[in-house]
Amino acid sequence: SADEEDADVFFIVYQEASEPGGKVREAGSAFLSLQHMLRTRADLPDETLDLIDGSGRLIGAMSVAVLGWKYLARVAAHPFDPACAQLTDAPALQVPLPADALVFAMG
């Protein structure tokens, strides 16, 4: 895509429920630009990202490691072929989490 934001990787941090059986909520999110990795031709083995809440406030920072710019460059060099995509309606796996788990979702 020509839109650079389409190549952003988002990291979402969730806050556990304050009461048993309560609702888990999104605490904040951070993002990293894969386009930036391609432009700089560099892996990001220790990148610090701003963690922003739903109202746009800075609430902290998180460290991530994203490696593989050479593989990104290889994929970006070839146009996407929709015929190669296999979509499935298989249900998502439900993994039980320990009470003290930190959950990160990428998308």
N, C-alpha and C. Protein backbone atom coordinates (compact mmCIF):
# COMPACT_ATOMS: atom_id res chain seq x y z
N SER A 1 0.84 -1.19 0.00
CA SER A 1 0.00 0.00 0.00
C SER A 1 0.88 1.25 0.00
N ALA A 2 0.39 2.29 -0.57
CA ALA A 2 1.13 3.56 -0.58
C ALA A 2 1.05 4.26 0.77
N ASP A 3 0.11 3.89 1.60
CA ASP A 3 -0.06 4.51 2.91
C ASP A 3 0.89 3.86 3.91
N GLU A 4 1.83 4.63 4.43
CA GLU A 4 2.84 4.09 5.34
C GLU A 4 2.23 3.48 6.60
N GLU A 5 1.11 4.00 7.06
CA GLU A 5 0.48 3.47 8.26
C GLU A 5 0.02 2.02 8.09
N ASP A 6 -0.19 1.60 6.85
CA ASP A 6 -0.58 0.21 6.61
C ASP A 6 0.52 -0.77 7.01
N ALA A 7 1.75 -0.27 7.14
CA ALA A 7 2.87 -1.13 7.50
C ALA A 7 3.27 -0.97 8.97
N ASP A 8 2.41 -0.37 9.76
CA ASP A 8 2.69 -0.24 11.19
C ASP A 8 2.33 -1.52 11.93
N VAL A 9 3.15 -1.88 12.90
CA VAL A 9 2.86 -3.00 13.78
C VAL A 9 2.43 -2.39 15.11
N PHE A 10 1.25 -2.79 15.59
CA PHE A 10 0.73 -2.26 16.85
C PHE A 10 0.93 -3.26 17.97
N PHE A 11 1.31 -2.76 19.12
CA PHE A 11 1.46 -3.54 20.34
C PHE A 11 0.41 -3.01 21.32
N ILE A 12 -0.49 -3.87 21.76
CA ILE A 12 -1.58 -3.46 22.64
C ILE A 12 -1.35 -4.06 24.02
N VAL A 13 -1.42 -3.22 25.05
CA VAL A 13 -1.23 -3.66 26.43
C VAL A 13 -2.60 -3.65 27.10
N TYR A 14 -2.93 -4.78 27.73
CA TYR A 14 -4.21 -4.92 28.42
C TYR A 14 -3.99 -4.88 29.93
N GLN A 15 -4.97 -4.35 30.63
CA GLN A 15 -4.95 -4.31 32.10
C GLN A 15 -5.93 -5.35 32.60
N GLU A 16 -5.46 -6.17 33.53
CA GLU A 16 -6.34 -7.22 34.05
C GLU A 16 -7.49 -6.61 34.83
N ALA A 17 -8.53 -7.37 34.96
CA ALA A 17 -9.71 -6.91 35.68
C ALA A 17 -9.38 -6.70 37.15
N SER A 18 -9.98 -5.70 37.75
CA SER A 18 -9.72 -5.42 39.16
C SER A 18 -10.47 -6.38 40.09
N GLU A 19 -11.50 -7.03 39.55
CA GLU A 19 -12.28 -7.98 40.34
C GLU A 19 -12.34 -9.31 39.60
N PRO A 20 -12.42 -10.41 40.33
CA PRO A 20 -12.57 -11.70 39.65
C PRO A 20 -13.82 -11.69 38.76
N GLY A 21 -13.64 -12.16 37.53
CA GLY A 21 -14.76 -12.17 36.59
C GLY A 21 -15.01 -10.83 35.94
N GLY A 22 -14.21 -9.82 36.32
CA GLY A 22 -14.37 -8.49 35.72
C GLY A 22 -13.82 -8.43 34.32
N LYS A 23 -14.02 -7.31 33.69
CA LYS A 23 -13.64 -7.13 32.30
C LYS A 23 -12.18 -6.66 32.17
N VAL A 24 -11.44 -7.32 31.30
CA VAL A 24 -10.09 -6.88 30.97
C VAL A 24 -10.23 -5.69 30.03
N ARG A 25 -9.41 -4.67 30.23
CA ARG A 25 -9.52 -3.50 29.36
C ARG A 25 -8.18 -3.14 28.73
N GLU A 26 -8.25 -2.46 27.61
CA GLU A 26 -7.03 -2.00 26.94
C GLU A 26 -6.46 -0.83 27.72
N ALA A 27 -5.21 -0.95 28.14
CA ALA A 27 -4.55 0.12 28.88
C ALA A 27 -3.92 1.13 27.93
N GLY A 28 -3.35 0.65 26.86
CA GLY A 28 -2.70 1.54 25.91
C GLY A 28 -2.12 0.76 24.75
N SER A 29 -1.53 1.50 23.82
CA SER A 29 -0.93 0.85 22.66
C SER A 29 0.28 1.64 22.19
N ALA A 30 1.11 0.95 21.43
CA ALA A 30 2.30 1.55 20.84
C ALA A 30 2.41 1.00 19.42
N PHE A 31 3.18 1.66 18.58
CA PHE A 31 3.34 1.14 17.23
C PHE A 31 4.77 1.32 16.75
N LEU A 32 5.09 0.52 15.76
CA LEU A 32 6.42 0.56 15.14
C LEU A 32 6.22 0.51 13.62
N SER A 33 6.97 1.30 12.90
CA SER A 33 6.83 1.38 11.44
C SER A 33 7.77 0.40 10.75
N LEU A 34 7.19 -0.55 10.02
CA LEU A 34 8.01 -1.47 9.23
C LEU A 34 8.63 -0.73 8.04
N GLN A 35 7.96 0.31 7.54
CA GLN A 35 8.53 1.12 6.46
C GLN A 35 9.83 1.77 6.92
N HIS A 36 9.86 2.22 8.17
CA HIS A 36 11.09 2.81 8.73
C HIS A 36 12.22 1.78 8.72
N MET A 37 11.90 0.53 9.09
CA MET A 37 12.93 -0.52 9.06
C MET A 37 13.47 -0.71 7.65
N LEU A 38 12.58 -0.68 6.66
CA LEU A 38 13.03 -0.84 5.28
C LEU A 38 13.89 0.33 4.81
N ARG A 39 13.48 1.55 5.18
CA ARG A 39 14.24 2.74 4.77
C ARG A 39 15.64 2.75 5.39
N THR A 40 15.71 2.39 6.67
CA THR A 40 17.00 2.43 7.37
C THR A 40 17.81 1.16 7.17
N ARG A 41 17.17 0.11 6.60
CA ARG A 41 17.83 -1.17 6.35
C ARG A 41 18.48 -1.69 7.63
N ALA A 42 17.69 -1.68 8.71
CA ALA A 42 18.23 -2.09 10.01
C ALA A 42 17.18 -2.80 10.85
N ASP A 43 17.64 -3.83 11.56
CA ASP A 43 16.80 -4.48 12.57
C ASP A 43 16.69 -3.55 13.77
N LEU A 44 15.70 -3.80 14.61
CA LEU A 44 15.50 -3.01 15.82
C LEU A 44 15.55 -3.96 17.02
N PRO A 45 16.76 -4.30 17.48
CA PRO A 45 16.89 -5.29 18.53
C PRO A 45 16.50 -4.80 19.92
N ASP A 46 16.42 -3.48 20.11
CA ASP A 46 16.05 -2.93 21.42
C ASP A 46 15.45 -1.56 21.21
N GLU A 47 14.19 -1.54 20.80
CA GLU A 47 13.51 -0.29 20.48
C GLU A 47 12.56 0.08 21.61
N THR A 48 12.59 1.33 22.04
CA THR A 48 11.67 1.82 23.06
C THR A 48 10.54 2.58 22.36
N LEU A 49 9.31 2.16 22.64
CA LEU A 49 8.13 2.78 22.03
C LEU A 49 7.30 3.48 23.09
N ASP A 50 6.70 4.61 22.73
CA ASP A 50 5.78 5.31 23.62
C ASP A 50 4.49 4.52 23.73
N LEU A 51 3.98 4.38 24.94
CA LEU A 51 2.72 3.70 25.20
C LEU A 51 1.67 4.78 25.43
N ILE A 52 0.64 4.79 24.56
CA ILE A 52 -0.37 5.85 24.55
C ILE A 52 -1.72 5.27 24.93
N ASP A 53 -2.47 5.97 25.80
CA ASP A 53 -3.80 5.47 26.17
C ASP A 53 -4.83 5.91 25.13
N GLY A 54 -6.08 5.52 25.34
CA GLY A 54 -7.16 5.80 24.40
C GLY A 54 -7.43 7.26 24.15
N SER A 55 -7.04 8.13 25.09
CA SER A 55 -7.27 9.56 24.91
C SER A 55 -6.03 10.27 24.36
N GLY A 56 -5.01 9.49 23.98
CA GLY A 56 -3.82 10.09 23.38
C GLY A 56 -2.74 10.51 24.35
N ARG A 57 -2.92 10.19 25.65
CA ARG A 57 -1.92 10.57 26.65
C ARG A 57 -0.79 9.54 26.71
N LEU A 58 0.42 10.04 26.90
CA LEU A 58 1.57 9.17 27.11
C LEU A 58 1.46 8.59 28.52
N ILE A 59 1.43 7.26 28.61
CA ILE A 59 1.29 6.62 29.92
C ILE A 59 2.49 5.76 30.30
N GLY A 60 3.46 5.67 29.39
CA GLY A 60 4.64 4.87 29.69
C GLY A 60 5.39 4.55 28.42
N ALA A 61 6.25 3.55 28.55
CA ALA A 61 7.05 3.11 27.41
C ALA A 61 7.18 1.60 27.47
N MET A 62 7.48 1.01 26.35
CA MET A 62 7.73 -0.43 26.31
C MET A 62 8.89 -0.69 25.36
N SER A 63 9.63 -1.74 25.64
CA SER A 63 10.74 -2.13 24.79
C SER A 63 10.33 -3.33 23.96
N VAL A 64 10.69 -3.30 22.68
CA VAL A 64 10.39 -4.41 21.78
C VAL A 64 11.64 -4.70 20.95
N ALA A 65 11.68 -5.90 20.40
CA ALA A 65 12.72 -6.28 19.45
C ALA A 65 12.03 -6.76 18.19
N VAL A 66 12.36 -6.15 17.07
CA VAL A 66 11.80 -6.56 15.79
C VAL A 66 12.98 -6.78 14.85
N LEU A 67 13.12 -8.02 14.41
CA LEU A 67 14.25 -8.40 13.57
C LEU A 67 13.73 -8.90 12.23
N GLY A 68 14.56 -8.79 11.22
CA GLY A 68 14.21 -9.36 9.92
C GLY A 68 13.98 -8.36 8.80
N TRP A 69 14.65 -7.22 8.83
CA TRP A 69 14.42 -6.23 7.76
C TRP A 69 14.74 -6.82 6.39
N LYS A 70 15.71 -7.73 6.31
CA LYS A 70 16.06 -8.33 5.01
C LYS A 70 14.89 -9.13 4.45
N TYR A 71 14.16 -9.81 5.34
CA TYR A 71 13.00 -10.58 4.90
C TYR A 71 11.85 -9.65 4.50
N LEU A 72 11.70 -8.55 5.24
CA LEU A 72 10.69 -7.55 4.87
C LEU A 72 10.99 -6.99 3.49
N ALA A 73 12.26 -6.71 3.23
CA ALA A 73 12.65 -6.16 1.94
C ALA A 73 12.34 -7.15 0.82
N ARG A 74 12.56 -8.43 1.08
CA ARG A 74 12.29 -9.45 0.07
C ARG A 74 10.79 -9.53 -0.22
N VAL A 75 9.98 -9.48 0.82
CA VAL A 75 8.52 -9.53 0.64
C VAL A 75 8.02 -8.26 -0.04
N ALA A 76 8.54 -7.11 0.37
CA ALA A 76 8.09 -5.83 -0.19
C ALA A 76 8.47 -5.69 -1.66
N ALA A 77 9.49 -6.42 -2.10
CA ALA A 77 9.95 -6.30 -3.48
C ALA A 77 9.00 -6.98 -4.47
N HIS A 78 8.14 -7.88 -4.00
CA HIS A 78 7.23 -8.62 -4.87
C HIS A 78 5.80 -8.17 -4.62
N PRO A 79 5.04 -7.95 -5.70
CA PRO A 79 3.63 -7.57 -5.50
C PRO A 79 2.86 -8.72 -4.85
N PHE A 80 1.90 -8.37 -4.04
CA PHE A 80 1.08 -9.36 -3.34
C PHE A 80 0.16 -10.05 -4.33
N ASP A 81 0.10 -11.36 -4.27
CA ASP A 81 -0.78 -12.15 -5.14
C ASP A 81 -1.95 -12.65 -4.30
N PRO A 82 -3.16 -12.07 -4.47
CA PRO A 82 -4.31 -12.51 -3.66
C PRO A 82 -4.62 -13.99 -3.82
N ALA A 83 -4.25 -14.59 -4.95
CA ALA A 83 -4.52 -16.01 -5.15
C ALA A 83 -3.73 -16.87 -4.17
N CYS A 84 -2.65 -16.33 -3.60
CA CYS A 84 -1.83 -17.08 -2.65
C CYS A 84 -2.41 -17.03 -1.23
N ALA A 85 -3.31 -16.10 -0.99
CA ALA A 85 -3.87 -15.96 0.36
C ALA A 85 -4.90 -17.05 0.60
N GLN A 86 -4.81 -17.68 1.75
CA GLN A 86 -5.80 -18.70 2.11
C GLN A 86 -6.53 -18.21 3.34
N LEU A 87 -7.78 -17.89 3.15
CA LEU A 87 -8.59 -17.43 4.27
C LEU A 87 -9.28 -18.62 4.90
N THR A 88 -9.44 -18.57 6.20
CA THR A 88 -10.08 -19.68 6.88
C THR A 88 -11.10 -19.14 7.87
N ASP A 89 -12.13 -19.92 8.11
CA ASP A 89 -13.11 -19.52 9.12
C ASP A 89 -12.94 -20.38 10.37
N ALA A 90 -11.73 -20.97 10.53
CA ALA A 90 -11.45 -21.77 11.73
C ALA A 90 -11.50 -20.86 12.95
N PRO A 91 -12.07 -21.35 14.07
CA PRO A 91 -12.14 -20.52 15.26
C PRO A 91 -10.75 -20.25 15.84
N ALA A 92 -10.60 -19.09 16.45
CA ALA A 92 -9.34 -18.74 17.09
C ALA A 92 -9.11 -19.65 18.29
N LEU A 93 -7.86 -19.94 18.55
CA LEU A 93 -7.54 -20.77 19.71
C LEU A 93 -7.76 -19.99 20.99
N GLN A 94 -8.35 -20.60 21.96
CA GLN A 94 -8.55 -19.99 23.27
C GLN A 94 -7.52 -20.58 24.23
N VAL A 95 -6.57 -19.77 24.62
CA VAL A 95 -5.48 -20.24 25.48
C VAL A 95 -5.72 -19.73 26.89
N PRO A 96 -5.78 -20.63 27.89
CA PRO A 96 -5.95 -20.17 29.27
C PRO A 96 -4.71 -19.41 29.73
N LEU A 97 -4.93 -18.31 30.43
CA LEU A 97 -3.83 -17.48 30.90
C LEU A 97 -3.74 -17.52 32.41
N PRO A 98 -2.50 -17.54 32.93
CA PRO A 98 -2.37 -17.44 34.38
C PRO A 98 -2.81 -16.06 34.86
N ALA A 99 -3.17 -15.96 36.12
CA ALA A 99 -3.70 -14.71 36.67
C ALA A 99 -2.72 -13.55 36.56
N ASP A 100 -1.42 -13.83 36.58
CA ASP A 100 -0.42 -12.75 36.56
C ASP A 100 0.20 -12.55 35.17
N ALA A 101 -0.46 -13.03 34.10
CA ALA A 101 0.09 -12.95 32.76
C ALA A 101 0.02 -11.53 32.21
N LEU A 102 1.03 -11.16 31.43
CA LEU A 102 1.01 -9.94 30.64
C LEU A 102 0.68 -10.36 29.22
N VAL A 103 -0.31 -9.76 28.61
CA VAL A 103 -0.75 -10.17 27.28
C VAL A 103 -0.42 -9.10 26.28
N PHE A 104 0.22 -9.48 25.19
CA PHE A 104 0.54 -8.55 24.11
C PHE A 104 -0.10 -9.09 22.86
N ALA A 105 -0.79 -8.21 22.12
CA ALA A 105 -1.43 -8.61 20.87
C ALA A 105 -0.79 -7.81 19.74
N MET A 106 -0.47 -8.49 18.66
CA MET A 106 0.11 -7.81 17.51
C MET A 106 -0.91 -7.82 16.38
N GLY A 107 -0.92 -6.73 15.66
CA GLY A 107 -1.84 -6.69 14.54
C GLY A 107 -1.55 -5.57 13.62
